[in-house]
């Protein structure tokens, strides 16, 4: 088996956080410093304002990671990695979820790094010899839908399906960090026959985990 589910689950999450790196000094502005930079809040995009809960007085973003995304993970390590990535505060909730609090600028940087990471992962899947049955991968802008164009017979007789699982996991993480309702996130994976152009299988995550 080329990929292990738990390994993918943990590494993808930690890699996205760690890739964001430390925030710049100007990302840690306090309330007085923010008041001296009146143009900063206007620079936030309309998408940021609509998709995340923002304390507009302190320019902070709060995101809650649901328990299902943290199963089988070392919570202490997850928290340490989050803080290393620039998250100011991490709160452990009674239901097993984690709430991250970070500056808006740190969140913007994190989302940019996530997008770059997902696009790089897509290209790697398309080019890598690890997934010989996969000819192409397409996605929508919100990473809630992916289409894998594959040699159907080869795909069905391989472990290349783990690539689809990895994309589903990263797509769900992206939506969570984008501020989408954790109870409503999902990622749809279509498998398209490269020869006929027909979709022969569609899977929706996280519903598939319950089947």
N, C-alpha and C. Protein backbone atom coordinates (compact mmCIF):
# COMPACT_ATOMS: atom_id res chain seq x y z
N UNK A 1 0.85 -1.19 0.00
CA UNK A 1 0.00 0.00 0.00
C UNK A 1 0.88 1.24 0.00
N UNK A 2 0.67 2.15 -0.96
CA UNK A 2 1.57 3.28 -1.13
C UNK A 2 1.37 4.36 -0.08
N UNK A 3 0.16 4.51 0.37
CA UNK A 3 -0.14 5.58 1.31
C UNK A 3 -0.90 5.01 2.49
N UNK A 4 -0.67 5.58 3.66
CA UNK A 4 -1.38 5.18 4.87
C UNK A 4 -2.34 6.29 5.24
N UNK A 5 -3.59 5.95 5.53
CA UNK A 5 -4.62 6.96 5.78
C UNK A 5 -4.25 7.87 6.93
N UNK A 6 -3.84 7.28 8.03
CA UNK A 6 -3.51 8.10 9.19
C UNK A 6 -2.33 9.00 8.90
N UNK A 7 -1.34 8.48 8.19
CA UNK A 7 -0.17 9.28 7.85
C UNK A 7 -0.56 10.49 7.02
N UNK A 8 -1.39 10.25 6.02
CA UNK A 8 -1.87 11.36 5.19
C UNK A 8 -2.62 12.38 6.03
N UNK A 9 -3.49 11.87 6.88
CA UNK A 9 -4.36 12.71 7.69
C UNK A 9 -3.55 13.68 8.54
N UNK A 10 -2.52 13.14 9.21
CA UNK A 10 -1.71 13.95 10.10
C UNK A 10 -0.77 14.85 9.34
N UNK A 11 -0.05 14.29 8.37
CA UNK A 11 0.98 15.06 7.68
C UNK A 11 0.41 16.22 6.89
N UNK A 12 -0.72 16.02 6.22
CA UNK A 12 -1.31 17.10 5.44
C UNK A 12 -1.66 18.28 6.32
N UNK A 13 -2.21 17.99 7.50
CA UNK A 13 -2.61 19.05 8.40
C UNK A 13 -1.41 19.82 8.93
N UNK A 14 -0.42 19.06 9.43
CA UNK A 14 0.77 19.70 9.99
C UNK A 14 1.54 20.45 8.92
N UNK A 15 1.61 19.88 7.71
CA UNK A 15 2.37 20.51 6.64
C UNK A 15 1.79 21.86 6.27
N UNK A 16 0.46 21.96 6.22
CA UNK A 16 -0.15 23.22 5.87
C UNK A 16 0.14 24.29 6.91
N UNK A 17 0.05 23.90 8.19
CA UNK A 17 0.31 24.87 9.24
C UNK A 17 1.78 25.28 9.25
N UNK A 18 2.66 24.31 9.19
CA UNK A 18 4.09 24.60 9.27
C UNK A 18 4.55 25.42 8.07
N UNK A 19 3.92 25.21 6.91
CA UNK A 19 4.33 25.92 5.70
C UNK A 19 4.09 27.41 5.81
N UNK A 20 3.16 27.79 6.68
CA UNK A 20 2.85 29.21 6.79
C UNK A 20 3.97 29.99 7.46
N UNK A 21 4.78 29.32 8.27
CA UNK A 21 5.91 29.98 8.90
C UNK A 21 5.50 30.95 9.97
N UNK A 22 6.50 31.67 10.51
CA UNK A 22 6.25 32.63 11.55
C UNK A 22 5.66 33.90 10.96
N UNK A 23 4.73 34.58 11.66
CA UNK A 23 4.19 35.83 11.16
C UNK A 23 5.23 36.92 11.23
N UNK A 24 5.13 37.91 10.35
CA UNK A 24 6.02 39.06 10.38
C UNK A 24 5.72 39.91 11.59
N UNK A 25 6.70 40.75 11.94
CA UNK A 25 6.55 41.56 13.15
C UNK A 25 5.34 42.46 13.06
N UNK A 26 5.04 42.96 11.85
CA UNK A 26 3.92 43.88 11.75
C UNK A 26 2.59 43.18 11.83
N UNK A 27 2.58 41.85 11.89
CA UNK A 27 1.33 41.12 12.03
C UNK A 27 0.88 41.05 13.47
N UNK A 28 1.75 41.45 14.41
CA UNK A 28 1.42 41.37 15.82
C UNK A 28 1.08 42.74 16.38
N UNK A 29 0.53 43.62 15.56
CA UNK A 29 0.17 44.95 16.01
C UNK A 29 -0.85 44.89 17.12
N UNK A 30 -0.68 45.71 18.16
CA UNK A 30 -1.71 45.78 19.18
C UNK A 30 -2.76 46.78 18.77
N UNK A 31 -3.76 47.00 19.62
CA UNK A 31 -4.89 47.84 19.26
C UNK A 31 -4.45 49.26 18.96
N UNK A 32 -3.47 49.81 19.73
CA UNK A 32 -3.02 51.17 19.50
C UNK A 32 -2.33 51.29 18.15
N UNK A 33 -1.49 50.28 17.80
CA UNK A 33 -0.80 50.32 16.53
C UNK A 33 -1.76 50.22 15.37
N UNK A 34 -2.83 49.44 15.55
CA UNK A 34 -3.83 49.33 14.50
C UNK A 34 -4.50 50.66 14.27
N UNK A 35 -4.76 51.38 15.36
CA UNK A 35 -5.42 52.68 15.23
C UNK A 35 -4.57 53.64 14.44
N UNK A 36 -3.24 53.46 14.46
CA UNK A 36 -2.36 54.36 13.74
C UNK A 36 -2.24 53.97 12.28
N UNK A 37 -2.83 52.85 11.88
CA UNK A 37 -2.77 52.40 10.49
C UNK A 37 -4.17 52.24 9.95
N UNK A 38 -4.88 53.36 9.71
CA UNK A 38 -6.30 53.32 9.35
C UNK A 38 -6.58 52.60 8.04
N UNK A 39 -5.59 52.45 7.16
CA UNK A 39 -5.87 51.83 5.88
C UNK A 39 -5.83 50.33 5.90
N UNK A 40 -5.35 49.74 7.01
CA UNK A 40 -5.13 48.30 7.04
C UNK A 40 -6.41 47.52 6.93
N UNK A 41 -7.46 47.93 7.67
CA UNK A 41 -8.70 47.17 7.66
C UNK A 41 -9.35 47.21 6.30
N UNK A 42 -9.22 48.39 5.58
CA UNK A 42 -9.83 48.48 4.27
C UNK A 42 -9.20 47.54 3.27
N UNK A 43 -7.94 47.11 3.53
CA UNK A 43 -7.26 46.25 2.59
C UNK A 43 -7.78 44.83 2.61
N UNK A 44 -8.52 44.47 3.65
CA UNK A 44 -9.07 43.11 3.73
C UNK A 44 -10.03 42.89 2.58
N UNK A 45 -9.98 41.72 1.98
CA UNK A 45 -10.84 41.45 0.85
C UNK A 45 -12.26 41.19 1.29
N UNK A 46 -13.18 41.33 0.36
CA UNK A 46 -14.59 41.06 0.66
C UNK A 46 -14.78 39.62 1.07
N UNK A 47 -14.00 38.70 0.47
CA UNK A 47 -14.11 37.29 0.83
C UNK A 47 -13.75 37.07 2.28
N UNK A 48 -12.68 37.73 2.77
CA UNK A 48 -12.28 37.58 4.16
C UNK A 48 -13.40 38.03 5.08
N UNK A 49 -14.03 39.16 4.76
CA UNK A 49 -15.03 39.73 5.63
C UNK A 49 -16.27 38.85 5.71
N UNK A 50 -16.57 38.13 4.64
CA UNK A 50 -17.79 37.34 4.60
C UNK A 50 -17.59 35.92 5.10
N UNK A 51 -16.36 35.40 5.00
CA UNK A 51 -16.19 33.97 5.21
C UNK A 51 -15.67 33.59 6.58
N UNK A 52 -15.21 34.54 7.40
CA UNK A 52 -14.70 34.22 8.72
C UNK A 52 -15.30 35.15 9.75
N UNK A 53 -15.35 34.64 10.99
CA UNK A 53 -15.80 35.50 12.07
C UNK A 53 -14.63 36.35 12.52
N UNK A 54 -14.76 37.67 12.42
CA UNK A 54 -13.66 38.57 12.72
C UNK A 54 -14.05 39.53 13.83
N UNK A 55 -13.20 39.61 14.86
CA UNK A 55 -13.34 40.64 15.87
C UNK A 55 -12.78 41.91 15.26
N UNK A 56 -13.65 42.77 14.75
CA UNK A 56 -13.19 43.90 13.97
C UNK A 56 -12.43 44.92 14.80
N UNK A 57 -12.62 44.89 16.13
CA UNK A 57 -11.89 45.82 16.95
C UNK A 57 -10.41 45.47 17.03
N UNK A 58 -10.10 44.17 17.12
CA UNK A 58 -8.72 43.72 17.26
C UNK A 58 -8.18 43.08 15.98
N UNK A 59 -9.00 43.02 14.95
CA UNK A 59 -8.60 42.41 13.68
C UNK A 59 -8.13 40.96 13.86
N UNK A 60 -8.84 40.23 14.71
CA UNK A 60 -8.52 38.83 14.93
C UNK A 60 -9.49 37.93 14.19
N UNK A 61 -9.04 36.75 13.84
CA UNK A 61 -9.86 35.72 13.20
C UNK A 61 -9.91 34.52 14.12
N UNK A 62 -11.10 33.98 14.36
CA UNK A 62 -11.26 32.77 15.16
C UNK A 62 -11.82 31.65 14.30
N UNK A 63 -11.17 30.50 14.35
CA UNK A 63 -11.57 29.34 13.56
C UNK A 63 -11.64 28.13 14.48
N UNK A 64 -12.70 27.36 14.37
CA UNK A 64 -12.85 26.16 15.20
C UNK A 64 -12.66 24.91 14.35
N UNK A 65 -11.71 24.07 14.78
CA UNK A 65 -11.43 22.81 14.10
C UNK A 65 -12.30 21.74 14.76
N UNK A 66 -13.23 21.11 14.03
CA UNK A 66 -14.14 20.13 14.64
C UNK A 66 -13.42 18.87 15.09
N UNK A 67 -13.99 18.14 16.05
CA UNK A 67 -13.35 16.93 16.59
C UNK A 67 -13.01 15.89 15.54
N UNK A 68 -13.87 15.75 14.51
CA UNK A 68 -13.63 14.70 13.52
C UNK A 68 -12.34 14.91 12.76
N UNK A 69 -11.87 16.17 12.69
CA UNK A 69 -10.64 16.46 11.97
C UNK A 69 -9.41 16.28 12.85
N UNK A 70 -9.62 15.93 14.11
CA UNK A 70 -8.52 15.82 15.05
C UNK A 70 -8.35 14.41 15.60
N UNK A 71 -9.15 13.48 15.10
CA UNK A 71 -9.09 12.12 15.60
C UNK A 71 -7.72 11.49 15.34
N UNK A 72 -7.23 10.75 16.32
CA UNK A 72 -5.97 10.01 16.21
C UNK A 72 -4.76 10.92 16.08
N UNK A 73 -4.90 12.18 16.44
CA UNK A 73 -3.77 13.09 16.37
C UNK A 73 -3.27 13.45 17.77
N UNK A 74 -2.01 13.79 17.85
CA UNK A 74 -1.40 14.25 19.09
C UNK A 74 -1.80 15.71 19.26
N UNK A 75 -2.78 15.98 20.13
CA UNK A 75 -3.32 17.32 20.27
C UNK A 75 -2.26 18.32 20.71
N UNK A 76 -1.38 17.89 21.62
CA UNK A 76 -0.32 18.79 22.06
C UNK A 76 0.57 19.20 20.90
N UNK A 77 0.86 18.25 20.02
CA UNK A 77 1.70 18.57 18.86
C UNK A 77 0.95 19.47 17.88
N UNK A 78 -0.35 19.19 17.69
CA UNK A 78 -1.16 20.03 16.81
C UNK A 78 -1.16 21.48 17.31
N UNK A 79 -1.33 21.65 18.62
CA UNK A 79 -1.34 22.98 19.20
C UNK A 79 0.02 23.65 19.03
N UNK A 80 1.09 22.91 19.27
CA UNK A 80 2.43 23.46 19.12
C UNK A 80 2.69 23.90 17.68
N UNK A 81 2.26 23.07 16.73
CA UNK A 81 2.46 23.42 15.32
C UNK A 81 1.64 24.65 14.93
N UNK A 82 0.42 24.74 15.48
CA UNK A 82 -0.42 25.90 15.18
C UNK A 82 0.22 27.19 15.68
N UNK A 83 0.75 27.15 16.89
CA UNK A 83 1.40 28.35 17.44
C UNK A 83 2.67 28.70 16.67
N UNK A 84 3.38 27.67 16.24
CA UNK A 84 4.58 27.92 15.44
C UNK A 84 4.22 28.59 14.12
N UNK A 85 3.02 28.27 13.62
CA UNK A 85 2.56 28.85 12.36
C UNK A 85 2.02 30.26 12.51
N UNK A 86 1.94 30.76 13.76
CA UNK A 86 1.50 32.13 13.95
C UNK A 86 0.17 32.29 14.65
N UNK A 87 -0.47 31.18 15.05
CA UNK A 87 -1.73 31.26 15.78
C UNK A 87 -1.43 31.78 17.19
N UNK A 88 -2.13 32.85 17.60
CA UNK A 88 -1.86 33.47 18.90
C UNK A 88 -2.34 32.62 20.06
N UNK A 89 -3.58 32.12 19.95
CA UNK A 89 -4.18 31.36 21.04
C UNK A 89 -4.87 30.12 20.49
N UNK A 90 -4.76 29.02 21.24
CA UNK A 90 -5.48 27.79 20.89
C UNK A 90 -6.25 27.35 22.13
N UNK A 91 -7.57 27.21 21.98
CA UNK A 91 -8.43 26.81 23.09
C UNK A 91 -8.96 25.40 22.85
N UNK A 92 -8.76 24.52 23.83
CA UNK A 92 -9.33 23.17 23.76
C UNK A 92 -10.75 23.22 24.29
N UNK A 93 -11.71 22.85 23.49
CA UNK A 93 -13.11 22.89 23.87
C UNK A 93 -13.59 21.54 24.41
N UNK A 94 -14.68 21.56 25.16
CA UNK A 94 -15.18 20.34 25.81
C UNK A 94 -15.59 19.27 24.81
N UNK A 95 -15.99 19.67 23.62
CA UNK A 95 -16.43 18.68 22.63
C UNK A 95 -15.26 18.07 21.86
N UNK A 96 -14.03 18.46 22.22
CA UNK A 96 -12.86 17.92 21.53
C UNK A 96 -12.37 18.77 20.39
N UNK A 97 -13.06 19.86 20.10
CA UNK A 97 -12.63 20.75 19.03
C UNK A 97 -11.55 21.71 19.55
N UNK A 98 -10.88 22.38 18.62
CA UNK A 98 -9.89 23.39 18.96
C UNK A 98 -10.29 24.70 18.31
N UNK A 99 -10.20 25.79 19.05
CA UNK A 99 -10.47 27.11 18.49
C UNK A 99 -9.17 27.88 18.38
N UNK A 100 -8.86 28.30 17.15
CA UNK A 100 -7.65 29.07 16.88
C UNK A 100 -7.99 30.55 16.82
N UNK A 101 -7.15 31.37 17.42
CA UNK A 101 -7.29 32.81 17.33
C UNK A 101 -6.00 33.38 16.76
N UNK A 102 -6.12 34.14 15.68
CA UNK A 102 -4.94 34.68 15.01
C UNK A 102 -5.26 36.05 14.42
N UNK A 103 -4.22 36.78 14.04
CA UNK A 103 -4.44 38.07 13.40
C UNK A 103 -4.97 37.85 12.00
N UNK A 104 -5.65 38.85 11.48
CA UNK A 104 -6.18 38.75 10.12
C UNK A 104 -5.04 38.55 9.11
N UNK A 105 -3.92 39.25 9.32
CA UNK A 105 -2.82 39.12 8.37
C UNK A 105 -2.23 37.72 8.40
N UNK A 106 -2.14 37.13 9.59
CA UNK A 106 -1.66 35.75 9.69
C UNK A 106 -2.62 34.81 8.97
N UNK A 107 -3.92 35.04 9.14
CA UNK A 107 -4.91 34.20 8.47
C UNK A 107 -4.81 34.33 6.96
N UNK A 108 -4.65 35.56 6.46
CA UNK A 108 -4.52 35.76 5.02
C UNK A 108 -3.31 35.02 4.48
N UNK A 109 -2.19 35.11 5.21
CA UNK A 109 -0.98 34.42 4.79
C UNK A 109 -1.17 32.91 4.81
N UNK A 110 -1.85 32.42 5.84
CA UNK A 110 -2.09 30.99 5.97
C UNK A 110 -2.94 30.46 4.81
N UNK A 111 -3.98 31.22 4.45
CA UNK A 111 -4.85 30.79 3.36
C UNK A 111 -4.09 30.79 2.04
N UNK A 112 -3.23 31.78 1.85
CA UNK A 112 -2.43 31.82 0.63
C UNK A 112 -1.51 30.62 0.55
N UNK A 113 -0.88 30.28 1.67
CA UNK A 113 0.01 29.12 1.71
C UNK A 113 -0.76 27.83 1.47
N UNK A 114 -1.99 27.76 2.00
CA UNK A 114 -2.81 26.57 1.79
C UNK A 114 -3.14 26.40 0.31
N UNK A 115 -3.53 27.50 -0.34
CA UNK A 115 -3.86 27.42 -1.76
C UNK A 115 -2.65 26.95 -2.57
N UNK A 116 -1.49 27.52 -2.25
CA UNK A 116 -0.28 27.11 -2.96
C UNK A 116 0.02 25.63 -2.70
N UNK A 117 -0.18 25.19 -1.46
CA UNK A 117 0.08 23.79 -1.12
C UNK A 117 -0.84 22.84 -1.85
N UNK A 118 -2.12 23.20 -1.94
CA UNK A 118 -3.08 22.34 -2.64
C UNK A 118 -2.76 22.26 -4.12
N UNK A 119 -2.44 23.41 -4.73
CA UNK A 119 -2.11 23.42 -6.15
C UNK A 119 -0.85 22.61 -6.42
N UNK A 120 0.14 22.71 -5.52
CA UNK A 120 1.36 21.92 -5.67
C UNK A 120 1.06 20.43 -5.54
N UNK A 121 0.16 20.09 -4.62
CA UNK A 121 -0.22 18.69 -4.43
C UNK A 121 -0.92 18.15 -5.67
N UNK A 122 -1.79 18.96 -6.25
CA UNK A 122 -2.48 18.55 -7.48
C UNK A 122 -1.47 18.26 -8.59
N UNK A 123 -0.50 19.15 -8.75
CA UNK A 123 0.50 18.96 -9.80
C UNK A 123 1.34 17.72 -9.53
N UNK A 124 1.65 17.49 -8.27
CA UNK A 124 2.45 16.31 -7.92
C UNK A 124 1.70 15.03 -8.24
N UNK A 125 0.39 15.01 -7.94
CA UNK A 125 -0.41 13.83 -8.25
C UNK A 125 -0.43 13.57 -9.76
N UNK A 126 -0.55 14.65 -10.53
CA UNK A 126 -0.60 14.52 -11.99
C UNK A 126 0.72 14.03 -12.58
N UNK A 127 1.84 14.45 -11.96
CA UNK A 127 3.15 14.15 -12.53
C UNK A 127 3.84 12.95 -11.90
N UNK A 128 3.44 12.58 -10.69
CA UNK A 128 4.17 11.57 -9.94
C UNK A 128 3.95 10.15 -10.48
N UNK A 129 5.03 9.37 -10.44
CA UNK A 129 4.93 7.96 -10.81
C UNK A 129 4.21 7.15 -9.74
N UNK A 130 3.94 7.76 -8.59
CA UNK A 130 3.23 7.06 -7.52
C UNK A 130 1.77 6.81 -7.88
N UNK A 131 1.24 7.61 -8.83
CA UNK A 131 -0.17 7.48 -9.20
C UNK A 131 -0.27 7.33 -10.73
N UNK A 132 0.19 6.24 -11.27
CA UNK A 132 0.28 6.08 -12.73
C UNK A 132 -1.07 6.09 -13.44
N UNK A 133 -2.14 5.77 -12.74
CA UNK A 133 -3.44 5.69 -13.41
C UNK A 133 -4.11 7.06 -13.54
N UNK A 134 -3.58 8.08 -12.85
CA UNK A 134 -4.21 9.40 -12.84
C UNK A 134 -3.55 10.29 -13.89
N UNK A 135 -4.36 10.72 -14.87
CA UNK A 135 -3.84 11.54 -15.97
C UNK A 135 -4.00 13.03 -15.71
N UNK A 136 -5.03 13.40 -14.97
CA UNK A 136 -5.27 14.83 -14.76
C UNK A 136 -6.11 15.01 -13.49
N UNK A 137 -6.02 16.19 -12.91
CA UNK A 137 -6.82 16.55 -11.74
C UNK A 137 -7.33 17.97 -11.93
N UNK A 138 -8.64 18.13 -11.76
CA UNK A 138 -9.24 19.47 -11.84
C UNK A 138 -9.94 19.78 -10.52
N UNK A 139 -10.05 21.07 -10.21
CA UNK A 139 -10.74 21.46 -8.98
C UNK A 139 -11.47 22.77 -9.20
N UNK A 140 -12.44 23.06 -8.31
CA UNK A 140 -13.06 24.38 -8.33
C UNK A 140 -12.26 25.31 -7.41
N UNK A 141 -12.62 26.58 -7.36
CA UNK A 141 -11.82 27.56 -6.63
C UNK A 141 -11.88 27.37 -5.12
N UNK A 142 -12.96 26.80 -4.61
CA UNK A 142 -13.11 26.63 -3.17
C UNK A 142 -12.57 25.27 -2.70
N UNK A 143 -12.07 24.47 -3.62
CA UNK A 143 -11.54 23.13 -3.32
C UNK A 143 -12.58 22.25 -2.63
N UNK A 144 -13.84 22.45 -3.01
CA UNK A 144 -14.91 21.60 -2.50
C UNK A 144 -15.28 20.53 -3.52
N UNK A 145 -14.64 20.56 -4.69
CA UNK A 145 -14.94 19.59 -5.73
C UNK A 145 -13.67 19.32 -6.55
N UNK A 146 -13.36 18.06 -6.72
CA UNK A 146 -12.21 17.63 -7.51
C UNK A 146 -12.66 16.59 -8.53
N UNK A 147 -12.06 16.62 -9.70
CA UNK A 147 -12.29 15.59 -10.71
C UNK A 147 -10.96 14.97 -11.07
N UNK A 148 -10.86 13.66 -10.87
CA UNK A 148 -9.66 12.92 -11.25
C UNK A 148 -9.94 12.20 -12.56
N UNK A 149 -9.14 12.50 -13.57
CA UNK A 149 -9.26 11.86 -14.86
C UNK A 149 -8.30 10.68 -14.87
N UNK A 150 -8.84 9.48 -15.00
CA UNK A 150 -8.02 8.28 -14.77
C UNK A 150 -8.23 7.22 -15.84
N UNK A 151 -7.24 6.33 -15.91
CA UNK A 151 -7.40 5.07 -16.63
C UNK A 151 -8.23 4.19 -15.69
N UNK A 152 -9.49 3.99 -16.02
CA UNK A 152 -10.42 3.39 -15.07
C UNK A 152 -9.97 2.01 -14.61
N UNK A 153 -9.61 1.16 -15.53
CA UNK A 153 -9.23 -0.20 -15.15
C UNK A 153 -7.99 -0.18 -14.25
N UNK A 154 -7.00 0.61 -14.63
CA UNK A 154 -5.77 0.69 -13.83
C UNK A 154 -6.05 1.28 -12.46
N UNK A 155 -6.91 2.29 -12.42
CA UNK A 155 -7.24 2.94 -11.15
C UNK A 155 -7.92 1.97 -10.21
N UNK A 156 -8.88 1.21 -10.73
CA UNK A 156 -9.64 0.30 -9.89
C UNK A 156 -8.82 -0.89 -9.40
N UNK A 157 -7.67 -1.10 -10.00
CA UNK A 157 -6.80 -2.20 -9.57
C UNK A 157 -5.51 -1.68 -8.94
N UNK A 158 -5.59 -0.51 -8.32
CA UNK A 158 -4.43 0.09 -7.68
C UNK A 158 -4.84 0.74 -6.36
N UNK A 159 -3.87 1.32 -5.70
CA UNK A 159 -4.13 2.07 -4.49
C UNK A 159 -4.12 3.57 -4.76
N UNK A 160 -4.31 3.97 -6.01
CA UNK A 160 -4.26 5.38 -6.37
C UNK A 160 -5.43 6.17 -5.78
N UNK A 161 -6.42 5.45 -5.25
CA UNK A 161 -7.55 6.12 -4.62
C UNK A 161 -7.14 6.94 -3.41
N UNK A 162 -5.96 6.63 -2.83
CA UNK A 162 -5.51 7.41 -1.69
C UNK A 162 -5.21 8.85 -2.08
N UNK A 163 -4.93 9.08 -3.35
CA UNK A 163 -4.74 10.46 -3.81
C UNK A 163 -6.04 11.24 -3.68
N UNK A 164 -7.15 10.58 -3.99
CA UNK A 164 -8.46 11.23 -3.86
C UNK A 164 -8.76 11.53 -2.40
N UNK A 165 -8.43 10.59 -1.52
CA UNK A 165 -8.64 10.80 -0.09
C UNK A 165 -7.82 11.99 0.40
N UNK A 166 -6.57 12.08 -0.04
CA UNK A 166 -5.73 13.20 0.37
C UNK A 166 -6.30 14.53 -0.09
N UNK A 167 -6.81 14.58 -1.32
CA UNK A 167 -7.42 15.82 -1.82
C UNK A 167 -8.67 16.17 -1.02
N UNK A 168 -9.45 15.16 -0.67
CA UNK A 168 -10.66 15.41 0.12
C UNK A 168 -10.31 16.01 1.47
N UNK A 169 -9.29 15.47 2.12
CA UNK A 169 -8.88 15.97 3.43
C UNK A 169 -8.39 17.40 3.34
N UNK A 170 -7.54 17.69 2.37
CA UNK A 170 -7.02 19.05 2.24
C UNK A 170 -8.13 20.03 1.87
N UNK A 171 -9.09 19.56 1.06
CA UNK A 171 -10.21 20.43 0.71
C UNK A 171 -11.06 20.78 1.91
N UNK A 172 -11.27 19.80 2.81
CA UNK A 172 -12.05 20.07 4.02
C UNK A 172 -11.31 21.02 4.95
N UNK A 173 -10.00 20.82 5.10
CA UNK A 173 -9.21 21.72 5.93
C UNK A 173 -9.26 23.14 5.38
N UNK A 174 -9.17 23.26 4.06
CA UNK A 174 -9.20 24.59 3.44
C UNK A 174 -10.51 25.30 3.77
N UNK A 175 -11.62 24.58 3.66
CA UNK A 175 -12.92 25.19 3.94
C UNK A 175 -13.03 25.59 5.41
N UNK A 176 -12.52 24.76 6.31
CA UNK A 176 -12.57 25.09 7.73
C UNK A 176 -11.78 26.36 8.01
N UNK A 177 -10.55 26.42 7.49
CA UNK A 177 -9.72 27.60 7.74
C UNK A 177 -10.24 28.82 6.99
N UNK A 178 -11.05 28.60 5.98
CA UNK A 178 -11.67 29.71 5.26
C UNK A 178 -12.86 30.27 6.03
N UNK A 179 -13.24 29.60 7.13
CA UNK A 179 -14.33 30.09 7.95
C UNK A 179 -15.68 29.51 7.63
N UNK A 180 -15.73 28.47 6.79
CA UNK A 180 -17.01 27.83 6.47
C UNK A 180 -17.54 27.09 7.69
N UNK A 181 -18.84 26.93 7.75
CA UNK A 181 -19.48 26.21 8.86
C UNK A 181 -18.97 24.77 8.90
N UNK A 182 -18.32 24.35 10.00
CA UNK A 182 -17.78 22.98 10.06
C UNK A 182 -18.84 21.90 9.87
N UNK A 183 -20.10 22.22 10.19
CA UNK A 183 -21.17 21.24 10.05
C UNK A 183 -21.64 21.10 8.60
N UNK A 184 -21.18 22.00 7.74
CA UNK A 184 -21.66 21.99 6.36
C UNK A 184 -20.57 21.75 5.33
N UNK A 185 -19.34 21.59 5.77
CA UNK A 185 -18.27 21.39 4.80
C UNK A 185 -18.37 20.01 4.16
N UNK A 186 -18.03 19.93 2.91
CA UNK A 186 -17.94 18.64 2.23
C UNK A 186 -17.07 18.82 1.00
N UNK A 187 -16.54 17.72 0.54
CA UNK A 187 -15.72 17.70 -0.67
C UNK A 187 -16.22 16.57 -1.55
N UNK A 188 -16.49 16.88 -2.81
CA UNK A 188 -16.98 15.90 -3.76
C UNK A 188 -15.84 15.50 -4.69
N UNK A 189 -15.62 14.20 -4.80
CA UNK A 189 -14.58 13.67 -5.68
C UNK A 189 -15.22 12.91 -6.83
N UNK A 190 -14.99 13.38 -8.05
CA UNK A 190 -15.49 12.69 -9.25
C UNK A 190 -14.33 11.91 -9.88
N UNK A 191 -14.63 10.71 -10.33
CA UNK A 191 -13.67 9.93 -11.09
C UNK A 191 -14.15 9.86 -12.54
N UNK A 192 -13.34 10.36 -13.44
CA UNK A 192 -13.72 10.45 -14.85
C UNK A 192 -12.84 9.52 -15.69
N UNK A 193 -13.49 8.74 -16.53
CA UNK A 193 -12.77 7.84 -17.43
C UNK A 193 -12.04 8.66 -18.49
N UNK A 194 -10.71 8.53 -18.53
CA UNK A 194 -9.91 9.34 -19.45
C UNK A 194 -10.24 9.06 -20.91
N UNK A 195 -10.67 7.85 -21.21
CA UNK A 195 -10.94 7.46 -22.59
C UNK A 195 -12.31 7.92 -23.04
N UNK A 196 -13.32 7.76 -22.20
CA UNK A 196 -14.69 8.08 -22.60
C UNK A 196 -15.16 9.45 -22.13
N UNK A 197 -14.51 10.01 -21.11
CA UNK A 197 -14.94 11.30 -20.56
C UNK A 197 -16.13 11.17 -19.63
N UNK A 198 -16.54 9.95 -19.32
CA UNK A 198 -17.69 9.73 -18.45
C UNK A 198 -17.26 9.62 -16.99
N UNK A 199 -18.07 10.20 -16.10
CA UNK A 199 -17.83 10.07 -14.66
C UNK A 199 -18.39 8.74 -14.20
N UNK A 200 -17.53 7.87 -13.69
CA UNK A 200 -17.99 6.54 -13.32
C UNK A 200 -18.13 6.37 -11.81
N UNK A 201 -17.70 7.37 -11.04
CA UNK A 201 -17.87 7.28 -9.60
C UNK A 201 -17.81 8.68 -9.00
N UNK A 202 -18.67 8.92 -8.00
CA UNK A 202 -18.65 10.19 -7.27
C UNK A 202 -18.75 9.88 -5.78
N UNK A 203 -17.85 10.44 -5.01
CA UNK A 203 -17.82 10.23 -3.57
C UNK A 203 -17.83 11.58 -2.86
N UNK A 204 -18.64 11.68 -1.82
CA UNK A 204 -18.73 12.92 -1.04
C UNK A 204 -18.18 12.67 0.35
N UNK A 205 -17.21 13.49 0.72
CA UNK A 205 -16.62 13.42 2.07
C UNK A 205 -17.13 14.61 2.88
N UNK A 206 -17.35 14.46 4.19
CA UNK A 206 -17.01 13.31 5.04
C UNK A 206 -18.07 12.23 5.10
N UNK A 207 -19.15 12.34 4.29
CA UNK A 207 -20.20 11.32 4.34
C UNK A 207 -19.63 9.92 4.10
N UNK A 208 -18.62 9.83 3.24
CA UNK A 208 -18.06 8.52 2.89
C UNK A 208 -17.44 7.82 4.08
N UNK A 209 -16.99 8.59 5.08
CA UNK A 209 -16.39 7.98 6.25
C UNK A 209 -17.41 7.21 7.09
N UNK A 210 -18.69 7.54 6.93
CA UNK A 210 -19.75 6.92 7.71
C UNK A 210 -20.35 5.72 7.01
N UNK A 211 -19.96 5.49 5.77
CA UNK A 211 -20.56 4.40 5.00
C UNK A 211 -19.80 3.09 5.22
